[in-house]
């Protein structure tokens, strides 16, 4: 499709496609979301197809012309994938390089070597926070669980005492900190500043990890006292490598995009002059695309070459890193299409009117909407994308910092009470050898604590900044 036709499609979709009243729009939203929930949970349909069908159902119930509804969905999908897709791909490549080169294992081993009985839970939270920055949640679990099981077995630690902090660190990164798909999609939908969102996400994330990780782990270990399951310790990637990158090089590589994006946000706040030479430079090198691209290129040398990988091996790592994210890209894109359909049928204005009439805090409303969708679908990513689309109009008159807090409120709500309709629930249950009740008392409650604590901190920050 040509650039001109894409622009025409987006312009066409931007026009209101229905004049339905608030009651009909409210029914349309409920029916559309219900369709998505039923297709995902009852019929086990892939989230991409569910979101696509749900968008069409939404438009139909709102009495929108079908061609206009399709145009809105297509424009939203295209703009979301165009804005977020490349960043997700670059993040996946960086995460794969970190895992396959042994860099992640180097971080783990270096920190654990300096930890003792008292500091081990804090060390696990720190490890999860660092390597969780570029890794998707599922990849992080697969990478960290063998470490948790080994440490628990060899050091005679309570499995929950060190497992919960690791899970908390990964979960907080997944829900609140870009470049993870959910936060990136919410930033795109709400048009928030990525650097500011990243900075505030880390600010909210640190105390949240502390409370939901090492602090809550003390109680979780009393409620669920289990032994590390036998036979569930897969080989670590670095065990087959002759050498691996240094700790300092690995940490610097992982933090490079974070530093570049935070630097851009800081210069914008301090200088605030688009014509300033320094700000023009940081606007380029601190843009998400350039920051992540730079990190990937640097990682090929500091991680890949340091591990002894030839050019062919590096090319293979890039190829294999992109295959698993195809489904994620489609889900995020379809979520963008659903968001655009919501906006174009007038739901955004309805949410604005509701917020004004009932004097509801936009941040609290965003959190509650994300909680509802999370409980219904089980997917944090689907909850983030859908909720961000619903509350995006509320960000129009917000400051940069409050737009970022709106993104974080959606992310916090999307983590609420993982249960049996969430794939992560079953991954944790099986890896730790727990039954359903034990998983709810540990993992599900930990997720709820993360959501509530982060939500509370976000509301508190909104009163200060």
Protein backbone atom coordinates (compact mmCIF):
# COMPACT_ATOMS: atom_id res chain seq x y z
CA UNK A 1 0.00 0.00 0.00
CA UNK A 2 1.41 3.41 -0.96
CA UNK A 3 2.16 6.14 1.59
CA UNK A 4 -0.52 8.32 0.03
CA UNK A 5 -3.20 5.65 0.32
CA UNK A 6 -2.25 5.00 3.96
CA UNK A 7 -2.57 8.71 4.72
CA UNK A 8 -5.95 8.86 2.95
CA UNK A 9 -7.13 5.82 4.89
CA UNK A 10 -6.03 7.31 8.21
CA UNK A 11 -7.71 10.62 7.39
CA UNK A 12 -10.88 8.83 6.39
CA UNK A 13 -10.86 6.77 9.59
CA UNK A 14 -10.30 9.88 11.69
CA UNK A 15 -13.75 11.20 10.79
CA UNK A 16 -16.59 10.21 13.16
CA UNK A 17 -18.30 7.15 11.70
CA UNK A 18 -21.45 7.12 13.79
CA UNK A 19 -23.71 9.49 15.67
CA UNK A 20 -25.05 6.90 18.09
CA UNK A 21 -26.07 8.06 21.55
CA UNK A 22 -24.19 7.31 24.74
CA UNK A 23 -26.48 4.42 25.65
CA UNK A 24 -25.93 2.68 22.34
CA UNK A 25 -22.20 3.35 22.45
CA UNK A 26 -22.01 1.94 25.96
CA UNK A 27 -23.82 -1.21 24.84
CA UNK A 28 -21.53 -1.45 21.81
CA UNK A 29 -18.42 -1.28 24.00
CA UNK A 30 -19.75 -3.92 26.38
CA UNK A 31 -20.77 -6.24 23.54
CA UNK A 32 -17.45 -5.72 21.71
CA UNK A 33 -15.37 -6.46 24.81
CA UNK A 34 -17.64 -9.38 25.72
CA UNK A 35 -17.10 -10.83 22.25
CA UNK A 36 -13.31 -10.57 22.68
CA UNK A 37 -13.47 -12.15 26.14
CA UNK A 38 -15.67 -15.05 25.01
CA UNK A 39 -13.59 -15.75 21.92
CA UNK A 40 -10.36 -15.81 23.95
CA UNK A 41 -11.60 -17.69 27.02
CA UNK A 42 -14.47 -19.88 25.81
CA UNK A 43 -13.49 -20.65 22.23
CA UNK A 44 -9.69 -20.37 22.75
CA UNK A 45 -9.36 -18.21 19.65
CA UNK A 46 -6.07 -16.38 19.17
CA UNK A 47 -6.11 -12.85 20.59
CA UNK A 48 -5.35 -11.35 17.15
CA UNK A 49 -8.46 -12.89 15.61
CA UNK A 50 -10.51 -12.13 18.72
CA UNK A 51 -9.58 -8.45 18.67
CA UNK A 52 -10.27 -8.22 14.94
CA UNK A 53 -13.72 -9.79 15.27
CA UNK A 54 -14.45 -7.78 18.41
CA UNK A 55 -13.68 -4.54 16.54
CA UNK A 56 -16.14 -5.45 13.79
CA UNK A 57 -18.78 -6.40 16.37
CA UNK A 58 -18.17 -3.09 18.13
CA UNK A 59 -18.74 -1.13 14.92
CA UNK A 60 -21.82 -3.15 13.98
CA UNK A 61 -23.56 -2.71 17.36
CA UNK A 62 -22.74 1.02 17.25
CA UNK A 63 -24.54 1.16 13.87
CA UNK A 64 -21.39 2.28 12.06
CA UNK A 65 -21.11 1.71 8.27
CA UNK A 66 -19.12 -1.48 7.82
CA UNK A 67 -16.66 0.03 5.33
CA UNK A 68 -15.89 2.87 7.75
CA UNK A 69 -15.41 0.46 10.65
CA UNK A 70 -13.01 -1.63 8.55
CA UNK A 71 -11.12 1.51 7.51
CA UNK A 72 -10.77 2.57 11.15
CA UNK A 73 -9.51 -0.84 12.23
CA UNK A 74 -7.03 -1.06 9.34
CA UNK A 75 -5.69 2.45 9.95
CA UNK A 76 -5.27 1.78 13.66
CA UNK A 77 -3.54 -1.53 13.03
CA UNK A 78 -1.15 0.01 10.50
CA UNK A 79 -0.22 3.02 12.62
CA UNK A 80 0.33 0.89 15.73
CA UNK A 81 2.54 -1.68 14.03
CA UNK A 82 4.39 1.11 12.26
CA UNK A 83 5.04 2.93 15.51
CA UNK A 84 5.58 0.02 17.90
CA UNK A 85 6.42 -3.02 15.78
CA UNK A 86 10.03 -2.09 15.01
CA UNK A 87 10.69 -1.34 18.69
CA UNK A 88 9.31 -4.73 19.76
CA UNK A 89 11.47 -6.43 17.12
CA UNK A 90 14.62 -4.62 18.27
CA UNK A 91 13.83 -5.46 21.89
CA UNK A 92 13.43 -9.12 20.96
CA UNK A 93 16.82 -9.17 19.21
CA UNK A 94 18.53 -7.53 22.19
CA UNK A 95 16.90 -10.01 24.59
CA UNK A 96 17.94 -13.00 22.47
CA UNK A 97 21.54 -11.77 22.29
CA UNK A 98 21.54 -11.30 26.07
CA UNK A 99 20.27 -14.85 26.66
CA UNK A 100 22.26 -16.78 24.05
CA UNK A 101 25.59 -15.07 24.68
CA UNK A 102 25.54 -15.98 28.36
CA UNK A 103 25.30 -12.30 29.31
CA UNK A 104 22.19 -12.93 31.40
CA UNK A 105 23.92 -15.81 33.17
CA UNK A 106 26.92 -13.57 33.81
CA UNK A 107 24.69 -10.99 35.54
CA UNK A 108 23.04 -13.72 37.60
CA UNK A 109 26.27 -15.41 38.68
CA UNK A 110 28.05 -12.15 39.51
CA UNK A 111 25.26 -10.86 41.74
CA UNK A 112 24.61 -14.22 43.41
CA UNK A 113 28.31 -14.58 44.23
CA UNK A 114 28.05 -11.45 46.36
CA UNK A 115 24.76 -12.37 48.07
CA UNK A 116 24.29 -14.12 51.40
CA UNK A 117 21.36 -15.73 53.21
CA UNK A 118 19.88 -12.37 54.20
CA UNK A 119 20.38 -10.54 50.92
CA UNK A 120 19.52 -13.37 48.51
CA UNK A 121 15.82 -12.32 47.99
CA UNK A 122 16.97 -8.77 47.22
CA UNK A 123 19.61 -10.12 44.85
CA UNK A 124 16.98 -12.13 42.94
CA UNK A 125 14.78 -9.02 42.61
CA UNK A 126 17.76 -7.02 41.32
CA UNK A 127 18.66 -9.72 38.81
CA UNK A 128 15.09 -9.91 37.52
CA UNK A 129 14.88 -6.14 37.24
CA UNK A 130 18.08 -5.84 35.20
CA UNK A 131 17.61 -8.70 32.78
CA UNK A 132 13.86 -8.10 32.66
CA UNK A 133 14.39 -4.75 30.91
CA UNK A 134 14.99 -6.17 27.41
CA UNK A 135 13.36 -9.60 27.86
CA UNK A 136 9.70 -10.49 27.35
CA UNK A 137 8.04 -11.86 30.47
CA UNK A 138 7.78 -15.46 29.24
CA UNK A 139 11.43 -15.47 28.13
CA UNK A 140 12.47 -14.03 31.47
CA UNK A 141 10.64 -16.78 33.34
CA UNK A 142 12.25 -19.51 31.25
CA UNK A 143 15.65 -17.92 31.83
CA UNK A 144 15.31 -17.20 35.56
CA UNK A 145 13.40 -20.23 36.86
CA UNK A 146 16.36 -22.62 36.47
CA UNK A 147 18.44 -20.15 38.50
CA UNK A 148 15.78 -19.92 41.21
CA UNK A 149 15.50 -23.70 41.43
CA UNK A 150 19.28 -24.20 41.53
CA UNK A 151 19.84 -21.53 44.18
CA UNK A 152 16.99 -22.87 46.32
CA UNK A 153 18.28 -26.44 46.12
CA UNK A 154 22.00 -25.80 46.61
CA UNK A 155 21.66 -23.05 49.21
CA UNK A 156 18.76 -24.68 51.09
CA UNK A 157 16.62 -21.56 50.59
CA UNK A 158 12.84 -21.46 50.70
CA UNK A 159 11.64 -21.64 47.10
CA UNK A 160 9.04 -18.91 47.61
CA UNK A 161 11.52 -16.71 49.51
CA UNK A 162 13.68 -16.25 46.43
CA UNK A 163 11.19 -17.14 43.68
CA UNK A 164 8.64 -14.42 44.47
CA UNK A 165 11.21 -11.55 44.26
CA UNK A 166 12.35 -12.81 40.85
CA UNK A 167 8.79 -13.05 39.57
CA UNK A 168 7.95 -9.61 40.97
CA UNK A 169 10.92 -8.02 39.21
CA UNK A 170 9.95 -9.57 35.88
CA UNK A 171 6.26 -8.73 36.24
CA UNK A 172 6.84 -5.07 37.11
CA UNK A 173 9.15 -4.63 34.11
CA UNK A 174 6.57 -6.33 31.89
CA UNK A 175 3.68 -4.11 33.00
CA UNK A 176 5.27 -0.72 33.60
CA UNK A 177 8.52 -0.28 31.73
CA UNK A 178 9.06 0.02 27.96
CA UNK A 179 10.28 -1.50 25.64
CA UNK A 180 7.85 -4.24 26.67
CA UNK A 181 4.91 -4.55 24.22
CA UNK A 182 2.12 -3.47 26.61
CA UNK A 183 3.69 -0.19 27.78
CA UNK A 184 4.85 0.59 24.23
CA UNK A 185 1.34 0.08 22.85
CA UNK A 186 -0.16 2.25 25.61
CA UNK A 187 2.40 5.00 24.98
CA UNK A 188 1.49 4.92 21.30
CA UNK A 189 -2.27 5.01 21.98
CA UNK A 190 -2.07 7.81 24.54
CA UNK A 191 0.69 9.67 22.66
CA UNK A 192 2.81 9.88 25.81
CA UNK A 193 6.49 10.73 26.00
CA UNK A 194 8.45 7.47 26.12
CA UNK A 195 11.42 8.87 28.06
CA UNK A 196 9.24 10.40 30.76
CA UNK A 197 7.14 7.22 30.96
CA UNK A 198 10.30 5.14 31.30
CA UNK A 199 11.65 7.35 34.08
CA UNK A 200 8.38 7.37 36.03
CA UNK A 201 7.94 3.64 35.39
CA UNK A 202 11.29 2.92 37.03
CA UNK A 203 10.44 5.34 39.86
CA UNK A 204 7.16 3.54 40.55
CA UNK A 205 8.61 0.12 39.83
CA UNK A 206 11.42 0.08 42.40
CA UNK A 207 9.27 0.40 45.57
CA UNK A 208 6.64 -1.83 43.97
CA UNK A 209 9.20 -4.62 43.44
CA UNK A 210 10.46 -4.20 47.01
CA UNK A 211 6.97 -4.58 48.52
CA UNK A 212 5.66 -7.30 46.20
CA UNK A 213 9.02 -9.11 46.07
CA UNK A 214 11.30 -9.49 49.10
CA UNK A 215 8.76 -8.14 51.62
CA UNK A 216 5.77 -10.23 50.46
CA UNK A 217 8.05 -13.27 49.95
CA UNK A 218 8.44 -13.57 53.73
CA UNK A 219 4.74 -14.28 54.10
CA UNK A 220 4.42 -16.35 50.91
CA UNK A 221 7.18 -18.65 52.19
CA UNK A 222 5.17 -19.29 55.38
CA UNK A 223 1.94 -19.99 53.51
CA UNK A 224 3.46 -22.24 50.84
CA UNK A 225 6.49 -24.30 51.87
CA UNK A 226 7.50 -26.50 48.96
CA UNK A 227 10.66 -28.19 47.73
CA UNK A 228 12.17 -27.39 44.31
CA UNK A 229 10.64 -29.91 41.88
CA UNK A 230 13.02 -32.50 40.47
CA UNK A 231 13.75 -32.68 36.76
CA UNK A 232 12.70 -29.13 35.92
CA UNK A 233 16.15 -27.56 35.71
CA UNK A 234 16.99 -27.16 32.00
CA UNK A 235 20.51 -26.48 30.79
CA UNK A 236 21.55 -22.83 31.02
CA UNK A 237 22.62 -21.26 27.70
CA UNK A 238 26.15 -20.46 28.85
CA UNK A 239 26.93 -24.04 29.89
CA UNK A 240 27.79 -24.87 26.27
CA UNK A 241 29.88 -21.72 25.72
CA UNK A 242 33.65 -21.54 26.03
CA UNK A 243 33.48 -17.90 27.14
CA UNK A 244 30.89 -15.24 27.82
CA UNK A 245 30.79 -11.42 28.06
CA UNK A 246 31.89 -9.58 31.17
CA UNK A 247 29.45 -8.33 33.80
CA UNK A 248 30.27 -4.66 33.18
CA UNK A 249 29.90 -4.92 29.40
CA UNK A 250 26.60 -6.77 29.73
CA UNK A 251 25.04 -4.31 32.17
CA UNK A 252 26.20 -1.31 30.14
CA UNK A 253 24.72 -2.83 26.98
CA UNK A 254 21.36 -3.58 28.63
CA UNK A 255 21.15 -0.09 30.13
CA UNK A 256 22.32 1.76 26.99
CA UNK A 257 18.84 2.35 25.47
CA UNK A 258 17.48 3.28 28.89
CA UNK A 259 20.22 5.89 29.40
CA UNK A 260 19.74 7.33 25.90
CA UNK A 261 15.96 7.66 26.26
CA UNK A 262 16.18 9.07 29.77
CA UNK A 263 18.83 11.52 28.57
CA UNK A 264 16.50 12.77 25.87
CA UNK A 265 13.68 13.27 28.39
CA UNK A 266 16.00 15.06 30.83
CA UNK A 267 17.33 17.46 28.19
CA UNK A 268 13.78 18.25 27.07
CA UNK A 269 12.86 19.18 30.64
CA UNK A 270 16.02 21.21 31.42
CA UNK A 271 16.67 22.90 28.04
CA UNK A 272 13.15 23.02 26.55
CA UNK A 273 14.33 24.64 23.31
CA UNK A 274 13.77 22.65 20.08
CA UNK A 275 16.40 24.81 18.34
CA UNK A 276 19.09 24.07 20.92
CA UNK A 277 21.91 22.00 19.42
CA UNK A 278 22.16 19.64 22.40
CA UNK A 279 18.43 18.99 22.41
CA UNK A 280 18.41 18.34 18.66
CA UNK A 281 21.16 15.75 19.11
CA UNK A 282 19.46 14.03 22.04
CA UNK A 283 16.14 14.07 20.18
CA UNK A 284 17.80 11.85 17.58
CA UNK A 285 19.98 9.51 19.65
CA UNK A 286 17.37 9.30 22.42
CA UNK A 287 14.47 8.40 20.14
CA UNK A 288 13.29 4.85 20.88
CA UNK A 289 14.18 3.57 17.41
CA UNK A 290 17.76 4.88 17.44
CA UNK A 291 18.33 4.00 21.12
CA UNK A 292 17.27 0.37 20.68
CA UNK A 293 18.99 0.05 17.30
CA UNK A 294 22.22 1.35 18.83
CA UNK A 295 21.89 -1.13 21.71
CA UNK A 296 21.38 -4.04 19.29
CA UNK A 297 24.43 -3.07 17.20
CA UNK A 298 26.58 -2.61 20.31
CA UNK A 299 25.30 -5.93 21.71
CA UNK A 300 26.53 -7.78 18.62
CA UNK A 301 30.07 -6.84 19.67
CA UNK A 302 29.90 -6.60 23.48
CA UNK A 303 27.76 -9.74 23.83
CA UNK A 304 27.88 -11.75 20.60
CA UNK A 305 31.52 -11.37 19.65
CA UNK A 306 32.57 -11.57 23.31
CA UNK A 307 30.93 -15.00 23.44
CA UNK A 308 32.85 -16.05 20.33
CA UNK A 309 29.93 -15.90 17.90
CA UNK A 310 30.78 -15.63 14.22
CA UNK A 311 28.78 -13.51 11.77
CA UNK A 312 26.68 -16.50 10.76
CA UNK A 313 25.77 -17.26 14.38
CA UNK A 314 24.78 -13.64 15.00
CA UNK A 315 22.62 -13.65 11.88
CA UNK A 316 20.94 -16.85 13.08
CA UNK A 317 20.22 -15.32 16.49
CA UNK A 318 18.51 -12.36 14.82
CA UNK A 319 16.42 -14.71 12.68
CA UNK A 320 15.31 -16.88 15.59
CA UNK A 321 14.55 -13.88 17.80
CA UNK A 322 12.02 -12.49 15.33
CA UNK A 323 9.99 -15.66 14.79
CA UNK A 324 8.31 -15.82 18.24
CA UNK A 325 7.20 -12.17 18.17
CA UNK A 326 5.00 -12.48 15.08
CA UNK A 327 1.98 -13.27 17.25
CA UNK A 328 2.79 -10.42 19.65
CA UNK A 329 3.05 -7.92 16.78
CA UNK A 330 -0.31 -9.04 15.39
CA UNK A 331 -1.97 -8.80 18.82
CA UNK A 332 -0.55 -5.33 19.42
CA UNK A 333 -1.57 -4.25 15.91
CA UNK A 334 -5.10 -5.59 16.30
CA UNK A 335 -5.28 -3.83 19.65
CA UNK A 336 -4.40 -0.62 17.86
CA UNK A 337 -7.17 -1.28 15.37
CA UNK A 338 -9.64 -1.88 18.20
CA UNK A 339 -8.50 1.35 19.85
CA UNK A 340 -8.98 3.35 16.63
CA UNK A 341 -12.45 1.88 16.13
CA UNK A 342 -13.37 2.88 19.69
CA UNK A 343 -12.23 6.43 19.06
CA UNK A 344 -13.87 6.80 15.66
CA UNK A 345 -17.32 5.63 16.75
CA UNK A 346 -17.28 8.26 19.50
CA UNK A 347 -16.45 6.19 22.57
CA UNK A 348 -13.62 8.55 23.46
CA UNK A 349 -16.00 11.46 23.83
CA UNK A 350 -18.36 9.27 25.84
CA UNK A 351 -15.54 8.40 28.26
CA UNK A 352 -14.68 12.10 28.53
CA UNK A 353 -18.28 12.98 29.33
CA UNK A 354 -18.51 10.17 31.88
CA UNK A 355 -15.30 11.29 33.58
CA UNK A 356 -16.54 14.88 33.80
CA UNK A 357 -20.08 14.02 34.94
CA UNK A 358 -18.96 11.63 37.69
CA UNK A 359 -15.77 13.49 38.65
CA UNK A 360 -13.73 10.28 38.42
CA UNK A 361 -9.93 10.57 38.40
CA UNK A 362 -8.75 9.61 34.90
CA UNK A 363 -5.90 7.60 36.44
CA UNK A 364 -8.27 5.62 38.68
CA UNK A 365 -10.67 5.10 35.78
CA UNK A 366 -7.83 3.81 33.57
CA UNK A 367 -6.70 1.43 36.32
CA UNK A 368 -10.23 0.08 36.89
CA UNK A 369 -10.87 -0.48 33.18
CA UNK A 370 -7.58 -2.36 32.80
CA UNK A 371 -8.38 -4.45 35.90
CA UNK A 372 -11.75 -5.46 34.46
CA UNK A 373 -10.32 -6.51 31.10
CA UNK A 374 -7.40 -8.32 32.78
CA UNK A 375 -9.75 -10.35 34.99
CA UNK A 376 -11.92 -11.23 32.00
CA UNK A 377 -9.27 -12.07 29.37
CA UNK A 378 -6.26 -13.08 31.49
CA UNK A 379 -3.92 -11.22 29.16
CA UNK A 380 -2.01 -8.23 30.49
CA UNK A 381 -1.15 -7.13 26.96
CA UNK A 382 -4.76 -7.26 25.75
CA UNK A 383 -5.89 -5.42 28.90
CA UNK A 384 -3.27 -2.71 28.38
CA UNK A 385 -4.04 -2.18 24.71
CA UNK A 386 -7.82 -2.17 25.12
CA UNK A 387 -7.83 0.06 28.22
CA UNK A 388 -5.37 2.50 26.66
CA UNK A 389 -7.67 2.85 23.65
CA UNK A 390 -10.65 3.58 25.88
CA UNK A 391 -8.95 6.25 28.01
CA UNK A 392 -6.72 7.82 25.33
CA UNK A 393 -9.05 10.85 24.86
CA UNK A 394 -8.62 11.71 28.54
CA UNK A 395 -4.95 12.52 27.86
CA UNK A 396 -5.69 15.34 25.42
CA UNK A 397 -5.41 18.18 27.94
CA UNK A 398 -2.96 16.46 30.31
CA UNK A 399 0.61 17.49 30.98
CA UNK A 400 3.46 15.30 29.74
CA UNK A 401 3.97 13.77 33.16
CA UNK A 402 0.29 13.00 33.68
CA UNK A 403 0.07 11.38 30.25
CA UNK A 404 2.93 9.13 31.33
CA UNK A 405 1.13 8.39 34.61
CA UNK A 406 -2.00 7.47 32.62
CA UNK A 407 0.07 4.90 30.71
CA UNK A 408 1.40 3.51 33.98
CA UNK A 409 -2.10 3.39 35.52
CA UNK A 410 -3.23 1.22 32.62
CA UNK A 411 -0.13 -0.98 32.99
CA UNK A 412 -0.65 -1.36 36.73
CA UNK A 413 -4.29 -2.35 36.28
CA UNK A 414 -3.33 -4.92 33.62
CA UNK A 415 -1.36 -6.93 36.21
CA UNK A 416 -4.22 -7.38 38.70
CA UNK A 417 -4.87 -10.94 40.02
CA UNK A 418 -3.55 -13.35 37.42
CA UNK A 419 -5.68 -16.51 37.59
CA UNK A 420 -6.61 -19.60 35.60
CA UNK A 421 -7.25 -17.79 32.30
CA UNK A 422 -3.68 -16.42 32.22
CA UNK A 423 -0.90 -18.45 30.59
CA UNK A 424 1.58 -16.99 33.07
CA UNK A 425 -0.41 -18.54 35.93
CA UNK A 426 0.11 -22.03 34.55
CA UNK A 427 3.78 -21.43 33.72
CA UNK A 428 4.51 -20.44 37.32
CA UNK A 429 2.38 -23.30 38.70
CA UNK A 430 4.18 -25.95 36.69
CA UNK A 431 7.72 -24.60 37.09
CA UNK A 432 7.38 -24.34 40.87
CA UNK A 433 5.46 -27.60 41.23
CA UNK A 434 2.48 -26.00 43.03
CA UNK A 435 -1.21 -26.80 42.96
CA UNK A 436 -3.84 -24.24 41.93
CA UNK A 437 -4.55 -23.09 45.50
CA UNK A 438 -0.87 -22.56 46.27
CA UNK A 439 -0.39 -20.64 43.04
CA UNK A 440 -3.26 -18.31 43.90
CA UNK A 441 -1.88 -17.69 47.41
CA UNK A 442 1.54 -16.77 46.02
CA UNK A 443 1.66 -15.74 42.37
CA UNK A 444 -1.90 -14.37 42.03
CA UNK A 445 -1.64 -12.43 45.28
CA UNK A 446 1.78 -11.09 44.31
CA UNK A 447 0.35 -9.79 41.02
CA UNK A 448 -2.50 -8.11 42.91
CA UNK A 449 -0.05 -6.45 45.31
CA UNK A 450 1.96 -5.14 42.35
CA UNK A 451 -1.18 -3.71 40.75
CA UNK A 452 -2.51 -2.05 43.90
CA UNK A 453 0.83 -0.71 45.15
CA UNK A 454 1.80 0.66 41.73
CA UNK A 455 -1.68 2.16 41.30
CA UNK A 456 -1.44 3.87 44.68
CA UNK A 457 2.02 5.25 43.95
CA UNK A 458 0.83 6.56 40.59
CA UNK A 459 -2.09 8.40 42.22
CA UNK A 460 0.29 9.81 44.83
CA UNK A 461 2.72 11.01 42.17
CA UNK A 462 -0.16 12.72 40.30
CA UNK A 463 -0.67 14.93 43.36
CA UNK A 464 3.01 15.90 43.48
CA UNK A 465 4.07 16.39 39.86
